[in-house]
N, C-alpha and C. Protein backbone atom coordinates (compact mmCIF):
# COMPACT_ATOMS: atom_id res chain seq x y z
N MET A 1 -37.52 -31.03 32.28
CA MET A 1 -37.25 -29.61 32.23
C MET A 1 -35.92 -29.38 31.49
N LYS A 2 -35.93 -28.45 30.59
CA LYS A 2 -34.75 -28.14 29.80
C LYS A 2 -33.74 -27.36 30.64
N ASP A 3 -32.46 -27.69 30.48
CA ASP A 3 -31.42 -26.93 31.19
C ASP A 3 -31.38 -25.51 30.65
N THR A 4 -31.42 -24.57 31.55
CA THR A 4 -31.33 -23.16 31.14
C THR A 4 -30.12 -22.55 31.83
N PRO A 5 -29.50 -21.58 31.18
CA PRO A 5 -28.35 -20.95 31.81
C PRO A 5 -28.76 -20.16 33.04
N GLN A 6 -27.88 -20.10 33.99
CA GLN A 6 -28.13 -19.31 35.19
C GLN A 6 -27.79 -17.86 34.88
N LEU A 7 -28.79 -17.03 34.81
CA LEU A 7 -28.60 -15.61 34.53
C LEU A 7 -28.71 -14.83 35.82
N SER A 8 -27.98 -13.73 35.88
CA SER A 8 -28.05 -12.88 37.06
C SER A 8 -27.84 -11.43 36.63
N PRO A 9 -28.27 -10.48 37.47
CA PRO A 9 -28.07 -9.07 37.14
C PRO A 9 -26.60 -8.78 36.84
N GLY A 10 -26.38 -8.00 35.79
CA GLY A 10 -25.03 -7.66 35.37
C GLY A 10 -24.54 -8.49 34.19
N ASP A 11 -25.23 -9.61 33.90
CA ASP A 11 -24.85 -10.44 32.76
C ASP A 11 -25.15 -9.72 31.45
N VAL A 12 -24.28 -9.91 30.47
CA VAL A 12 -24.49 -9.37 29.13
C VAL A 12 -25.06 -10.49 28.28
N VAL A 13 -26.16 -10.20 27.58
CA VAL A 13 -26.83 -11.21 26.76
C VAL A 13 -27.03 -10.71 25.34
N LEU A 14 -27.06 -11.65 24.40
CA LEU A 14 -27.38 -11.36 23.01
C LEU A 14 -28.88 -11.55 22.85
N ILE A 15 -29.57 -10.57 22.29
CA ILE A 15 -31.02 -10.62 22.18
C ILE A 15 -31.41 -11.28 20.86
N LYS A 16 -32.20 -12.34 20.96
CA LYS A 16 -32.62 -13.10 19.78
C LYS A 16 -33.67 -12.30 19.01
N ILE A 17 -33.48 -12.25 17.69
CA ILE A 17 -34.44 -11.60 16.80
C ILE A 17 -35.01 -12.72 15.93
N GLU A 18 -36.26 -13.06 16.16
CA GLU A 18 -36.88 -14.24 15.54
C GLU A 18 -36.77 -14.24 14.01
N GLU A 19 -36.98 -13.10 13.37
CA GLU A 19 -37.04 -13.07 11.91
C GLU A 19 -35.67 -12.95 11.24
N LYS A 20 -34.59 -12.96 12.03
CA LYS A 20 -33.25 -12.84 11.45
C LYS A 20 -32.39 -14.04 11.82
N LYS A 21 -31.41 -14.32 10.97
CA LYS A 21 -30.44 -15.36 11.29
C LYS A 21 -29.52 -14.86 12.40
N ARG A 22 -28.96 -15.78 13.14
CA ARG A 22 -28.15 -15.44 14.31
C ARG A 22 -27.01 -14.47 13.96
N ILE A 23 -26.42 -14.62 12.79
CA ILE A 23 -25.30 -13.76 12.42
C ILE A 23 -25.72 -12.28 12.33
N HIS A 24 -27.02 -12.03 12.18
CA HIS A 24 -27.52 -10.66 12.05
C HIS A 24 -28.10 -10.10 13.35
N TRP A 25 -27.96 -10.82 14.45
CA TRP A 25 -28.40 -10.29 15.74
C TRP A 25 -27.34 -9.30 16.21
N HIS A 26 -27.69 -8.05 16.37
CA HIS A 26 -26.72 -7.03 16.78
C HIS A 26 -27.09 -6.37 18.10
N SER A 27 -28.23 -6.75 18.67
CA SER A 27 -28.65 -6.12 19.92
C SER A 27 -28.17 -6.92 21.11
N MET A 28 -27.63 -6.21 22.07
CA MET A 28 -27.19 -6.84 23.31
C MET A 28 -27.88 -6.13 24.46
N GLY A 29 -27.93 -6.78 25.60
CA GLY A 29 -28.53 -6.18 26.76
C GLY A 29 -27.76 -6.54 28.02
N ILE A 30 -27.89 -5.70 29.02
CA ILE A 30 -27.33 -5.98 30.34
C ILE A 30 -28.50 -6.19 31.28
N ILE A 31 -28.53 -7.33 31.91
CA ILE A 31 -29.64 -7.69 32.79
C ILE A 31 -29.58 -6.86 34.07
N LEU A 32 -30.71 -6.23 34.39
CA LEU A 32 -30.82 -5.45 35.62
C LEU A 32 -31.54 -6.24 36.71
N GLU A 33 -32.65 -6.91 36.33
CA GLU A 33 -33.42 -7.70 37.29
C GLU A 33 -33.93 -8.96 36.61
N ILE A 34 -34.10 -10.02 37.38
CA ILE A 34 -34.62 -11.30 36.89
C ILE A 34 -35.97 -11.56 37.57
N TYR A 35 -36.95 -12.04 36.80
CA TYR A 35 -38.27 -12.37 37.35
C TYR A 35 -38.53 -13.86 37.11
N HIS A 36 -38.79 -14.58 38.19
CA HIS A 36 -39.03 -16.02 38.13
C HIS A 36 -40.52 -16.31 38.14
N GLY A 37 -40.89 -17.44 37.53
CA GLY A 37 -42.26 -17.92 37.57
C GLY A 37 -42.50 -18.73 38.82
N ARG A 38 -43.71 -19.29 38.95
CA ARG A 38 -44.05 -20.11 40.12
C ARG A 38 -43.19 -21.35 40.23
N ASP A 39 -42.71 -21.84 39.08
CA ASP A 39 -41.87 -23.03 39.09
C ASP A 39 -40.39 -22.69 39.28
N ASN A 40 -40.12 -21.44 39.62
CA ASN A 40 -38.77 -20.92 39.87
C ASN A 40 -37.90 -20.82 38.61
N SER A 41 -38.51 -20.96 37.43
CA SER A 41 -37.79 -20.76 36.17
C SER A 41 -37.80 -19.27 35.82
N ILE A 42 -36.77 -18.83 35.15
CA ILE A 42 -36.72 -17.43 34.72
C ILE A 42 -37.77 -17.23 33.63
N ARG A 43 -38.63 -16.25 33.81
CA ARG A 43 -39.68 -15.95 32.84
C ARG A 43 -39.40 -14.67 32.07
N THR A 44 -38.95 -13.65 32.75
CA THR A 44 -38.63 -12.38 32.09
C THR A 44 -37.45 -11.73 32.79
N ALA A 45 -36.95 -10.70 32.14
CA ALA A 45 -35.84 -9.95 32.73
C ALA A 45 -35.97 -8.49 32.34
N LEU A 46 -35.58 -7.62 33.24
CA LEU A 46 -35.50 -6.20 32.95
C LEU A 46 -34.06 -5.94 32.54
N MET A 47 -33.89 -5.29 31.39
CA MET A 47 -32.52 -5.06 30.94
C MET A 47 -32.39 -3.76 30.18
N VAL A 48 -31.17 -3.29 30.12
CA VAL A 48 -30.82 -2.14 29.30
C VAL A 48 -30.35 -2.71 27.98
N ARG A 49 -30.86 -2.18 26.89
CA ARG A 49 -30.54 -2.71 25.56
C ARG A 49 -29.54 -1.81 24.85
N TYR A 50 -28.59 -2.45 24.20
CA TYR A 50 -27.59 -1.74 23.41
C TYR A 50 -27.61 -2.30 22.00
N HIS A 51 -27.37 -1.44 21.03
CA HIS A 51 -27.27 -1.90 19.64
C HIS A 51 -25.81 -1.82 19.23
N VAL A 52 -25.30 -2.92 18.71
CA VAL A 52 -23.92 -2.96 18.24
C VAL A 52 -23.94 -2.68 16.75
N LYS A 53 -23.29 -1.62 16.36
CA LYS A 53 -23.26 -1.25 14.94
C LYS A 53 -22.22 -2.10 14.22
N SER A 54 -22.66 -2.70 13.13
CA SER A 54 -21.69 -3.46 12.33
C SER A 54 -21.14 -2.53 11.25
N THR A 55 -19.94 -2.79 10.86
CA THR A 55 -19.30 -1.95 9.85
C THR A 55 -18.43 -2.80 8.95
N THR A 56 -18.26 -2.33 7.75
CA THR A 56 -17.36 -3.02 6.82
C THR A 56 -16.05 -2.27 6.70
N GLU A 57 -15.91 -1.18 7.43
CA GLU A 57 -14.68 -0.40 7.38
C GLU A 57 -13.56 -1.12 8.10
N ARG A 58 -12.37 -1.00 7.55
CA ARG A 58 -11.21 -1.58 8.21
C ARG A 58 -10.69 -0.60 9.25
N LEU A 59 -9.99 -1.14 10.22
CA LEU A 59 -9.34 -0.29 11.22
C LEU A 59 -8.00 0.15 10.67
N TRP A 60 -7.58 1.34 11.03
CA TRP A 60 -6.29 1.84 10.56
C TRP A 60 -5.58 2.52 11.71
N THR A 61 -4.27 2.62 11.58
CA THR A 61 -3.44 3.20 12.63
C THR A 61 -2.88 4.53 12.18
N SER A 62 -2.30 5.26 13.13
CA SER A 62 -1.69 6.55 12.79
C SER A 62 -0.50 6.35 11.85
N VAL A 63 0.18 5.21 11.96
CA VAL A 63 1.31 4.92 11.06
C VAL A 63 0.81 4.76 9.63
N GLN A 64 -0.30 4.04 9.46
CA GLN A 64 -0.88 3.87 8.13
C GLN A 64 -1.36 5.20 7.56
N LEU A 65 -1.99 6.01 8.41
CA LEU A 65 -2.47 7.31 7.95
C LEU A 65 -1.30 8.19 7.54
N GLN A 66 -0.25 8.21 8.32
CA GLN A 66 0.92 9.02 7.98
C GLN A 66 1.54 8.54 6.67
N ALA A 67 1.62 7.23 6.46
CA ALA A 67 2.15 6.69 5.21
C ALA A 67 1.27 7.08 4.03
N ALA A 68 -0.04 7.06 4.23
CA ALA A 68 -0.97 7.45 3.17
C ALA A 68 -0.79 8.92 2.80
N ILE A 69 -0.70 9.78 3.81
CA ILE A 69 -0.53 11.22 3.58
C ILE A 69 0.81 11.49 2.90
N THR A 70 1.85 10.79 3.32
CA THR A 70 3.18 10.96 2.71
C THR A 70 3.13 10.57 1.23
N ASP A 71 2.48 9.45 0.92
CA ASP A 71 2.37 9.02 -0.48
C ASP A 71 1.67 10.08 -1.33
N ILE A 72 0.64 10.70 -0.77
CA ILE A 72 -0.09 11.74 -1.51
C ILE A 72 0.76 12.98 -1.68
N HIS A 73 1.38 13.47 -0.59
CA HIS A 73 2.22 14.67 -0.64
C HIS A 73 3.38 14.52 -1.62
N GLU A 74 3.97 13.34 -1.66
CA GLU A 74 5.12 13.13 -2.53
C GLU A 74 4.72 12.76 -3.96
N GLY A 75 3.41 12.73 -4.23
CA GLY A 75 2.92 12.48 -5.58
C GLY A 75 3.08 11.05 -6.07
N ARG A 76 3.31 10.12 -5.17
CA ARG A 76 3.49 8.72 -5.57
C ARG A 76 2.17 8.05 -5.93
N ARG A 77 1.10 8.45 -5.26
CA ARG A 77 -0.20 7.82 -5.48
C ARG A 77 -1.31 8.84 -5.35
N SER A 78 -2.45 8.53 -5.98
CA SER A 78 -3.60 9.42 -5.89
C SER A 78 -4.33 9.21 -4.57
N MET A 79 -5.16 10.17 -4.23
CA MET A 79 -5.97 10.08 -3.01
C MET A 79 -6.85 8.83 -3.05
N MET A 80 -7.48 8.57 -4.19
CA MET A 80 -8.38 7.42 -4.32
C MET A 80 -7.61 6.11 -4.14
N ASP A 81 -6.45 6.01 -4.75
CA ASP A 81 -5.63 4.79 -4.65
C ASP A 81 -5.18 4.54 -3.21
N VAL A 82 -4.73 5.60 -2.56
CA VAL A 82 -4.27 5.49 -1.16
C VAL A 82 -5.44 5.09 -0.25
N ALA A 83 -6.59 5.73 -0.43
CA ALA A 83 -7.76 5.42 0.40
C ALA A 83 -8.15 3.96 0.23
N ARG A 84 -8.16 3.48 -0.98
CA ARG A 84 -8.55 2.10 -1.25
C ARG A 84 -7.54 1.12 -0.65
N SER A 85 -6.26 1.37 -0.85
CA SER A 85 -5.26 0.40 -0.39
C SER A 85 -5.09 0.38 1.13
N PHE A 86 -5.26 1.53 1.80
CA PHE A 86 -5.11 1.58 3.25
C PHE A 86 -6.43 1.35 3.99
N GLY A 87 -7.55 1.40 3.25
CA GLY A 87 -8.85 1.21 3.88
C GLY A 87 -9.28 2.40 4.72
N ILE A 88 -8.86 3.59 4.31
CA ILE A 88 -9.22 4.82 5.03
C ILE A 88 -10.08 5.66 4.08
N ARG A 89 -11.19 6.17 4.56
CA ARG A 89 -12.05 7.00 3.72
C ARG A 89 -11.30 8.22 3.22
N GLN A 90 -11.61 8.60 1.98
CA GLN A 90 -10.99 9.80 1.41
C GLN A 90 -11.29 11.03 2.26
N SER A 91 -12.52 11.11 2.76
CA SER A 91 -12.90 12.28 3.57
C SER A 91 -12.06 12.34 4.85
N ASN A 92 -11.74 11.18 5.45
CA ASN A 92 -10.89 11.17 6.64
C ASN A 92 -9.48 11.63 6.31
N ILE A 93 -8.94 11.16 5.19
CA ILE A 93 -7.59 11.58 4.79
C ILE A 93 -7.56 13.08 4.55
N GLN A 94 -8.57 13.60 3.85
CA GLN A 94 -8.62 15.03 3.55
C GLN A 94 -8.70 15.87 4.83
N LYS A 95 -9.56 15.45 5.78
CA LYS A 95 -9.68 16.18 7.05
C LYS A 95 -8.36 16.17 7.81
N ARG A 96 -7.72 14.99 7.85
CA ARG A 96 -6.47 14.88 8.60
C ARG A 96 -5.35 15.67 7.94
N MET A 97 -5.34 15.73 6.61
CA MET A 97 -4.33 16.53 5.91
C MET A 97 -4.55 18.02 6.20
N LYS A 98 -5.81 18.42 6.22
CA LYS A 98 -6.15 19.82 6.45
C LYS A 98 -5.78 20.26 7.87
N THR A 99 -6.02 19.38 8.84
CA THR A 99 -5.77 19.73 10.25
C THR A 99 -4.41 19.24 10.74
N ASN A 100 -3.68 18.52 9.88
CA ASN A 100 -2.38 17.95 10.24
C ASN A 100 -2.50 17.02 11.46
N ASN A 101 -3.58 16.24 11.48
CA ASN A 101 -3.88 15.34 12.59
C ASN A 101 -3.79 13.90 12.08
N THR A 102 -2.87 13.12 12.60
CA THR A 102 -2.74 11.72 12.18
C THR A 102 -3.17 10.74 13.26
N SER A 103 -3.87 11.22 14.27
CA SER A 103 -4.37 10.33 15.32
C SER A 103 -5.54 9.51 14.78
N PRO A 104 -5.62 8.21 15.10
CA PRO A 104 -6.74 7.41 14.63
C PRO A 104 -8.03 7.65 15.41
N ALA A 105 -7.99 8.48 16.46
CA ALA A 105 -9.19 8.77 17.25
C ALA A 105 -10.20 9.52 16.39
N LEU A 106 -11.48 9.40 16.78
CA LEU A 106 -12.53 10.08 16.03
C LEU A 106 -12.37 11.58 16.09
N MET A 107 -12.72 12.22 15.01
CA MET A 107 -12.66 13.69 14.97
C MET A 107 -14.00 14.26 15.35
């Protein structure tokens, strides 16, 4: 018998997707109930499934956003150049300049 991990309700698991390589598995689940077979091996589980969104966007801070806005206001750099170098979308910079909001929280 192959060694299997001991799973229990509340465990977070990565859900295998047969047709994709492991690096592309983005679905996770939280186990709610475990169902054993006659041989006492785990056969199925009831779980809540979550999808983890992957992104290529960089994270940015309020300090970086403020520096980007300052560079634009003082005419040192263009909006496109600032967005590219700080990794902040132009639309985010424009919204934050319009509302005078430099918090990195979602708008």
